[in-house]
Amino acid sequence: MSTTPTPGHEVRGSTTGRPLMAALDLFGRRWALRILWELRHGPLGARALRTVCDGMSSSVLYQRLDELTTADLVTKNDDGDYELTPIGAEVSTALEPLGNWADRWAQSLEAGGPQAG
């Protein structure tokens, strides 16, 4: 079983566990970003979360939820639903510039990209 990537500990790509590398390791795990994305509008139970994350197995869902909880990005509320912590909610804001860039990239590719000279 793998451990949750956290700053200050060795992670993929960094023996020192620089915070950015720890975040990239965590976010690079299958379905991690999708779970955070789906929780951005509010709490969801495990069944609802699995439904909106089409194709995710329940074992992967619970493994990711455990990692995201250990990383203090997700918490389980009193109703038993999963929701973002305050620092977890900041992920959407942090990823917004990357999302904007990705939209521009897609438009560039659709337009045929830059002309080679």
Protein backbone atom coordinates (compact mmCIF):
# COMPACT_ATOMS: atom_id res chain seq x y z
CA MET A 1 0.00 0.00 0.00
CA SER A 2 1.40 3.39 -0.92
CA THR A 3 1.61 6.29 1.47
CA THR A 4 -0.04 9.65 1.00
CA PRO A 5 2.33 12.19 -0.55
CA THR A 6 2.97 14.99 1.92
CA PRO A 7 5.42 17.89 1.96
CA GLY A 8 8.70 17.15 3.66
CA HIS A 9 8.68 13.45 2.79
CA GLU A 10 10.10 11.69 -0.24
CA VAL A 11 7.63 11.63 -3.13
CA ARG A 12 7.76 10.79 -6.83
CA GLY A 13 10.19 13.21 -8.40
CA SER A 14 11.63 14.61 -5.17
CA THR A 15 13.70 13.04 -2.44
CA THR A 16 13.19 16.14 -0.27
CA GLY A 17 9.41 16.27 -0.64
CA ARG A 18 9.17 19.85 -1.78
CA PRO A 19 5.55 20.97 -1.34
CA LEU A 20 4.92 21.40 -5.09
CA MET A 21 6.30 17.94 -5.85
CA ALA A 22 4.19 16.39 -3.08
CA ALA A 23 1.08 18.11 -4.48
CA LEU A 24 1.88 16.96 -8.02
CA ASP A 25 2.39 13.40 -6.80
CA LEU A 26 -0.95 13.45 -4.97
CA PHE A 27 -2.84 15.11 -7.83
CA GLY A 28 -1.23 12.75 -10.34
CA ARG A 29 -2.85 9.72 -8.79
CA ARG A 30 -5.78 8.29 -10.71
CA TRP A 31 -9.03 10.09 -9.96
CA ALA A 32 -7.61 12.39 -7.24
CA LEU A 33 -8.21 15.63 -9.15
CA ARG A 34 -11.58 14.40 -10.38
CA ILE A 35 -12.72 13.79 -6.80
CA LEU A 36 -11.60 17.26 -5.76
CA TRP A 37 -13.31 18.72 -8.84
CA GLU A 38 -16.61 16.97 -8.11
CA LEU A 39 -16.60 18.11 -4.48
CA ARG A 40 -16.09 21.77 -5.41
CA HIS A 41 -19.84 22.51 -5.33
CA GLY A 42 -20.51 20.83 -2.00
CA PRO A 43 -20.57 17.56 -0.09
CA LEU A 44 -21.33 14.23 -1.71
CA GLY A 45 -21.79 10.77 -0.30
CA ALA A 46 -19.56 7.97 -1.54
CA ARG A 47 -22.25 6.50 -3.81
CA ALA A 48 -23.03 9.88 -5.41
CA LEU A 49 -19.34 10.63 -5.78
CA ARG A 50 -18.75 7.30 -7.49
CA THR A 51 -21.66 7.97 -9.84
CA VAL A 52 -20.34 11.37 -10.97
CA CYS A 53 -16.84 9.90 -11.35
CA ASP A 54 -17.96 7.45 -14.01
CA GLY A 55 -15.88 4.36 -14.24
CA MET A 56 -14.11 4.58 -10.89
CA SER A 57 -14.03 1.41 -8.85
CA SER A 58 -15.14 1.60 -5.24
CA SER A 59 -11.73 0.40 -4.04
CA VAL A 60 -9.96 3.24 -5.87
CA LEU A 61 -12.55 5.74 -4.62
CA TYR A 62 -11.98 4.80 -1.01
CA GLN A 63 -8.20 4.70 -1.43
CA ARG A 64 -8.21 8.22 -2.92
CA LEU A 65 -10.62 9.53 -0.30
CA ASP A 66 -8.34 8.13 2.40
CA GLU A 67 -5.30 9.82 0.82
CA LEU A 68 -7.11 13.12 0.31
CA THR A 69 -8.37 12.99 3.89
CA THR A 70 -4.88 12.24 5.21
CA ALA A 71 -3.62 15.18 3.14
CA ASP A 72 -6.27 17.41 4.81
CA LEU A 73 -7.95 18.25 1.49
CA VAL A 74 -11.16 16.29 2.12
CA THR A 75 -13.10 15.53 5.28
CA LYS A 76 -16.14 13.46 6.16
CA ASN A 77 -18.92 15.57 7.67
CA ASP A 78 -21.46 14.64 10.34
CA ASP A 79 -23.88 13.35 7.67
CA GLY A 80 -21.23 10.93 6.38
CA ASP A 81 -20.69 12.89 3.18
CA TYR A 82 -17.31 13.94 1.86
CA GLU A 83 -16.48 17.61 1.47
CA LEU A 84 -13.50 19.82 0.83
CA THR A 85 -11.61 21.32 3.71
CA PRO A 86 -10.78 25.04 3.43
CA ILE A 87 -7.33 24.26 1.98
CA GLY A 88 -8.92 21.64 -0.29
CA ALA A 89 -11.37 24.23 -1.63
CA GLU A 90 -8.40 26.37 -2.66
CA VAL A 91 -7.39 23.72 -5.21
CA SER A 92 -10.09 24.93 -7.63
CA THR A 93 -8.79 28.49 -7.39
CA ALA A 94 -5.20 27.32 -7.80
CA LEU A 95 -6.08 25.26 -10.89
CA GLU A 96 -8.13 27.99 -12.58
CA PRO A 97 -5.12 29.50 -14.43
CA LEU A 98 -4.15 26.03 -15.63
CA GLY A 99 -7.70 25.45 -16.83
CA ASN A 100 -7.63 28.75 -18.73
CA TRP A 101 -4.33 27.79 -20.32
CA ALA A 102 -5.74 24.37 -21.28
CA ASP A 103 -8.69 26.06 -23.01
CA ARG A 104 -6.31 28.27 -25.01
CA TRP A 105 -4.19 25.23 -25.87
CA ALA A 106 -7.25 23.31 -27.11
CA GLN A 107 -8.32 26.29 -29.23
CA SER A 108 -4.82 26.55 -30.67
CA LEU A 109 -4.84 22.88 -31.63
CA GLU A 110 -8.31 23.19 -33.17
CA ALA A 111 -7.10 26.17 -35.21
CA GLY A 112 -4.18 24.15 -36.55
CA GLY A 113 -1.57 25.50 -34.11
CA PRO A 114 1.22 27.88 -35.01
CA GLN A 115 2.36 27.74 -38.60
CA ALA A 116 5.85 26.29 -39.02
CA GLY A 117 8.11 28.61 -40.88
